[in-house]
């Protein structure tokens, strides 16, 4: 009886550590899926931007770095989990990554730009599926962190479809996806606007609101005026400002 009680006590003592390790693994997977979500949009946005502005050869290096980050995050998930469904989804992510790598070895063209849109959606769908399988109940601070990171993703997604429409890939689906991303971004911005932040972040929030209004005006005039350089500049500034809130909420976990 004493031996049984001792074993139970040992197991109970180990349980918190086991749960903690399990949670850390889930967090690592979720962080990697968030990175893949972002990269799926950022890669394609920059590919479309390069197609629209072929003289901006410096974008080629950004694309290569994004591809390296994509490989790294897929590998992180692969090494962190043994879940069979996740492993199967990773096969599709790896395939899409390989196809993107092939496209980046060629000069951008309209046909490949359309393929990039397809591959970006495959990466996004796969990352979302993995995240759903490894989700856990977020604390309030974790929810705000996810909202802050989601704003960066949505800014890239909106810009991706703006550029797609601007270069002649103007399907009704692409237009609807752009409008949905813009609506979701505005919703997240309202949540940020209502949150009680310290004084040093209030100026950043005010600037974020200003740049959002500028960005919205560019989207509204897309059919009359395609300004890829201004749109990308505005998007980058939105992300820079959003990152202040990502860092704040990450620090306060």
Protein backbone atom coordinates (compact mmCIF):
# COMPACT_ATOMS: atom_id res chain seq x y z
CA UNK A 1 0.00 0.00 0.00
CA UNK A 2 2.81 2.40 0.92
CA UNK A 3 4.56 1.56 -2.35
CA UNK A 4 1.38 2.34 -4.31
CA UNK A 5 0.97 5.66 -2.52
CA UNK A 6 4.59 6.52 -3.26
CA UNK A 7 4.11 5.80 -6.99
CA UNK A 8 0.94 7.93 -7.04
CA UNK A 9 2.76 10.77 -5.32
CA UNK A 10 5.59 10.59 -7.84
CA UNK A 11 3.16 10.62 -10.76
CA UNK A 12 1.28 13.58 -9.31
CA UNK A 13 4.56 15.40 -8.85
CA UNK A 14 5.53 14.79 -12.47
CA UNK A 15 2.12 15.71 -13.88
CA UNK A 16 2.54 19.52 -13.79
CA UNK A 17 5.88 19.22 -15.59
CA UNK A 18 4.37 16.93 -18.22
CA UNK A 19 1.45 19.30 -18.76
CA UNK A 20 3.84 22.24 -18.94
CA UNK A 21 5.97 20.50 -21.57
CA UNK A 22 2.85 19.61 -23.54
CA UNK A 23 1.63 23.21 -23.46
CA UNK A 24 5.04 24.50 -24.55
CA UNK A 25 4.96 22.13 -27.51
CA UNK A 26 1.50 23.36 -28.51
CA UNK A 27 2.68 26.96 -28.22
CA UNK A 28 5.68 26.21 -30.46
CA UNK A 29 3.41 24.63 -33.07
CA UNK A 30 0.95 27.52 -32.93
CA UNK A 31 3.73 30.10 -33.26
CA UNK A 32 5.07 28.26 -36.30
CA UNK A 33 1.60 28.13 -37.89
CA UNK A 34 1.19 31.87 -37.30
CA UNK A 35 4.51 32.46 -39.02
CA UNK A 36 3.47 30.28 -41.96
CA UNK A 37 0.16 32.13 -42.25
CA UNK A 38 2.02 35.43 -42.45
CA UNK A 39 4.72 34.18 -44.82
CA UNK A 40 2.14 32.68 -47.18
CA UNK A 41 0.77 36.18 -47.74
CA UNK A 42 4.05 38.12 -47.55
CA UNK A 43 5.78 35.89 -50.09
CA UNK A 44 2.96 36.24 -52.59
CA UNK A 45 2.53 39.95 -52.02
CA UNK A 46 6.18 40.53 -52.80
CA UNK A 47 6.08 38.25 -55.84
CA UNK A 48 3.14 40.22 -57.25
CA UNK A 49 4.87 43.48 -56.36
CA UNK A 50 8.01 42.36 -58.20
CA UNK A 51 5.89 41.40 -61.22
CA UNK A 52 4.32 44.87 -61.21
CA UNK A 53 7.73 46.53 -60.63
CA UNK A 54 10.38 44.33 -62.32
CA UNK A 55 13.18 46.85 -61.73
CA UNK A 56 12.93 46.39 -57.95
CA UNK A 57 15.38 43.49 -57.96
CA UNK A 58 16.06 43.91 -54.23
CA UNK A 59 12.73 42.16 -53.64
CA UNK A 60 14.28 38.93 -54.93
CA UNK A 61 16.45 38.72 -51.80
CA UNK A 62 13.41 39.31 -49.57
CA UNK A 63 11.61 36.46 -51.35
CA UNK A 64 14.55 34.10 -50.79
CA UNK A 65 14.69 35.00 -47.09
CA UNK A 66 10.95 34.43 -46.73
CA UNK A 67 11.31 31.03 -48.36
CA UNK A 68 14.06 30.11 -45.88
CA UNK A 69 11.79 31.17 -43.00
CA UNK A 70 8.99 29.06 -44.44
CA UNK A 71 11.25 26.01 -44.52
CA UNK A 72 12.35 26.68 -40.94
CA UNK A 73 8.79 26.89 -39.60
CA UNK A 74 7.62 23.78 -41.43
CA UNK A 75 10.61 21.97 -39.92
CA UNK A 76 9.76 23.29 -36.43
CA UNK A 77 6.29 21.75 -36.62
CA UNK A 78 7.67 18.49 -38.00
CA UNK A 79 10.15 18.16 -35.12
CA UNK A 80 7.67 19.22 -32.42
CA UNK A 81 4.69 16.96 -33.02
CA UNK A 82 4.06 13.31 -33.87
CA UNK A 83 0.38 13.88 -34.66
CA UNK A 84 -0.42 11.87 -37.80
CA UNK A 85 -2.89 14.37 -39.26
CA UNK A 86 -0.40 17.18 -38.78
CA UNK A 87 2.33 15.15 -40.50
CA UNK A 88 0.01 14.58 -43.48
CA UNK A 89 -0.79 18.28 -43.77
CA UNK A 90 2.92 19.07 -43.64
CA UNK A 91 3.32 17.03 -46.83
CA UNK A 92 1.03 19.48 -48.63
CA UNK A 93 2.84 22.46 -47.10
CA UNK A 94 6.18 21.07 -48.25
CA UNK A 95 4.83 20.47 -51.75
CA UNK A 96 3.56 24.06 -51.98
CA UNK A 97 6.89 25.34 -50.68
CA UNK A 98 8.73 23.34 -53.35
CA UNK A 99 6.48 24.72 -56.08
CA UNK A 100 7.04 28.28 -54.87
CA UNK A 101 10.78 27.67 -54.84
CA UNK A 102 10.61 26.65 -58.51
CA UNK A 103 8.63 29.77 -59.42
CA UNK A 104 11.15 32.01 -57.69
CA UNK A 105 13.89 30.70 -59.97
CA UNK A 106 12.14 32.27 -62.98
CA UNK A 107 11.29 35.80 -63.97
CA UNK A 108 7.81 36.66 -62.60
CA UNK A 109 4.98 36.36 -65.12
CA UNK A 110 1.20 36.57 -64.96
CA UNK A 111 0.61 32.81 -65.14
CA UNK A 112 3.01 32.15 -62.28
CA UNK A 113 1.49 35.03 -60.32
CA UNK A 114 -1.83 33.20 -60.47
CA UNK A 115 -0.11 30.01 -59.29
CA UNK A 116 1.48 31.91 -56.40
CA UNK A 117 -1.99 32.95 -55.27
CA UNK A 118 -3.07 29.30 -55.30
CA UNK A 119 -0.01 28.09 -53.38
CA UNK A 120 -0.38 30.85 -50.80
CA UNK A 121 -3.94 29.69 -50.11
CA UNK A 122 -2.78 26.08 -49.77
CA UNK A 123 -0.17 27.14 -47.23
CA UNK A 124 -2.74 29.21 -45.37
CA UNK A 125 -5.34 26.45 -45.30
CA UNK A 126 -2.77 23.94 -44.09
CA UNK A 127 -1.47 26.25 -41.36
CA UNK A 128 -5.04 26.97 -40.20
CA UNK A 129 -5.81 23.24 -40.03
CA UNK A 130 -2.71 22.51 -37.95
CA UNK A 131 -3.44 25.45 -35.63
CA UNK A 132 -6.99 24.19 -35.07
CA UNK A 133 -5.72 20.71 -34.16
CA UNK A 134 -3.26 22.12 -31.61
CA UNK A 135 -5.40 24.90 -30.16
CA UNK A 136 -5.88 25.40 -26.43
CA UNK A 137 -7.80 27.93 -24.37
CA UNK A 138 -6.04 31.29 -24.60
CA UNK A 139 -5.68 33.71 -21.71
CA UNK A 140 -6.87 37.28 -22.29
CA UNK A 141 -3.32 38.50 -22.89
CA UNK A 142 -2.73 35.66 -25.37
CA UNK A 143 -5.92 36.63 -27.21
CA UNK A 144 -4.65 40.19 -27.59
CA UNK A 145 -1.31 38.89 -28.83
CA UNK A 146 -3.07 36.80 -31.47
CA UNK A 147 -5.18 39.79 -32.53
CA UNK A 148 -2.05 41.94 -32.87
CA UNK A 149 -0.30 39.30 -34.96
CA UNK A 150 -3.44 38.77 -37.00
CA UNK A 151 -3.40 42.44 -38.00
CA UNK A 152 0.00 41.94 -39.64
CA UNK A 153 -1.34 38.90 -41.48
CA UNK A 154 -4.47 40.73 -42.63
CA UNK A 155 -2.48 43.74 -43.83
CA UNK A 156 -0.42 41.40 -46.03
CA UNK A 157 -3.49 39.51 -47.22
CA UNK A 158 -5.31 42.70 -48.19
CA UNK A 159 -2.24 43.96 -50.06
CA UNK A 160 -1.85 40.62 -51.83
CA UNK A 161 -5.29 40.84 -53.34
CA UNK A 162 -4.93 44.56 -54.11
CA UNK A 163 -1.86 43.74 -56.19
CA UNK A 164 -3.56 40.73 -57.78
CA UNK A 165 -6.46 42.89 -58.92
CA UNK A 166 -4.09 45.62 -60.06
CA UNK A 167 -2.04 43.34 -62.33
CA UNK A 168 -5.12 41.92 -64.01
CA UNK A 169 -6.05 38.92 -61.84
CA UNK A 170 -9.37 40.56 -61.12
CA UNK A 171 -11.63 37.62 -60.35
CA UNK A 172 -14.70 38.12 -58.23
CA UNK A 173 -13.24 35.74 -55.64
CA UNK A 174 -10.05 37.80 -55.34
CA UNK A 175 -12.06 40.99 -54.91
CA UNK A 176 -14.24 39.39 -52.24
CA UNK A 177 -11.20 38.02 -50.40
CA UNK A 178 -9.67 41.50 -50.34
CA UNK A 179 -12.85 43.04 -48.94
CA UNK A 180 -13.16 40.32 -46.28
CA UNK A 181 -9.54 40.83 -45.19
CA UNK A 182 -10.06 44.58 -44.95
CA UNK A 183 -13.22 44.08 -42.89
CA UNK A 184 -11.46 41.67 -40.52
CA UNK A 185 -8.54 44.08 -40.14
CA UNK A 186 -10.86 46.95 -39.27
CA UNK A 187 -12.54 44.74 -36.66
CA UNK A 188 -9.19 43.92 -35.02
CA UNK A 189 -8.18 47.58 -35.07
CA UNK A 190 -11.34 48.46 -33.14
CA UNK A 191 -10.42 45.90 -30.46
CA UNK A 192 -6.94 47.43 -30.20
CA UNK A 193 -8.52 50.88 -30.02
CA UNK A 194 -10.66 49.87 -27.03
CA UNK A 195 -7.87 48.19 -25.06
CA UNK A 196 -6.30 50.01 -22.12
CA UNK A 197 -2.65 50.55 -23.11
CA UNK A 198 0.10 52.43 -21.24
CA UNK A 199 0.81 56.01 -22.25
CA UNK A 200 3.84 55.18 -24.40
CA UNK A 201 1.68 53.09 -26.75
CA UNK A 202 -1.10 55.63 -27.22
CA UNK A 203 0.86 57.59 -29.83
CA UNK A 204 1.54 54.37 -31.72
CA UNK A 205 -2.15 53.54 -31.65
CA UNK A 206 -3.04 57.00 -32.93
CA UNK A 207 -0.51 56.66 -35.77
CA UNK A 208 -1.89 53.21 -36.57
CA UNK A 209 -5.35 54.71 -36.96
CA UNK A 210 -4.04 57.44 -39.27
CA UNK A 211 -2.20 55.02 -41.54
CA UNK A 212 -5.24 52.78 -41.64
CA UNK A 213 -7.33 55.65 -42.99
CA UNK A 214 -4.67 56.32 -45.65
CA UNK A 215 -4.61 52.64 -46.61
CA UNK A 216 -8.39 52.47 -46.86
CA UNK A 217 -8.42 55.39 -49.29
CA UNK A 218 -5.98 53.53 -51.57
CA UNK A 219 -8.15 50.41 -51.59
CA UNK A 220 -11.29 52.41 -52.32
CA UNK A 221 -9.67 53.99 -55.39
CA UNK A 222 -8.15 50.79 -56.78
CA UNK A 223 -10.42 50.68 -59.83
CA UNK A 224 -9.49 54.26 -60.73
CA UNK A 225 -5.85 54.35 -59.64
CA UNK A 226 -3.43 51.44 -59.11
CA UNK A 227 -0.57 52.66 -56.89
CA UNK A 228 1.46 49.60 -55.94
CA UNK A 229 4.36 51.54 -54.41
CA UNK A 230 2.14 53.60 -52.13
CA UNK A 231 0.11 50.56 -51.13
CA UNK A 232 3.18 48.52 -50.18
CA UNK A 233 4.68 51.46 -48.29
CA UNK A 234 1.43 51.94 -46.39
CA UNK A 235 1.18 48.21 -45.64
CA UNK A 236 4.73 48.07 -44.31
CA UNK A 237 4.04 51.04 -42.05
CA UNK A 238 0.85 49.43 -40.75
CA UNK A 239 2.84 46.33 -39.86
CA UNK A 240 5.62 48.31 -38.20
CA UNK A 241 3.06 50.02 -35.98
CA UNK A 242 1.16 46.78 -35.32
CA UNK A 243 4.38 45.16 -34.18
CA UNK A 244 4.57 47.54 -31.20
CA UNK A 245 1.41 45.88 -29.89
CA UNK A 246 2.70 42.39 -30.69
CA UNK A 247 5.82 43.08 -28.62
CA UNK A 248 3.80 44.57 -25.76
CA UNK A 249 1.45 41.61 -25.46
CA UNK A 250 4.26 39.08 -25.91
CA UNK A 251 6.18 40.73 -23.07
CA UNK A 252 3.12 40.55 -20.83
CA UNK A 253 2.45 36.83 -21.21
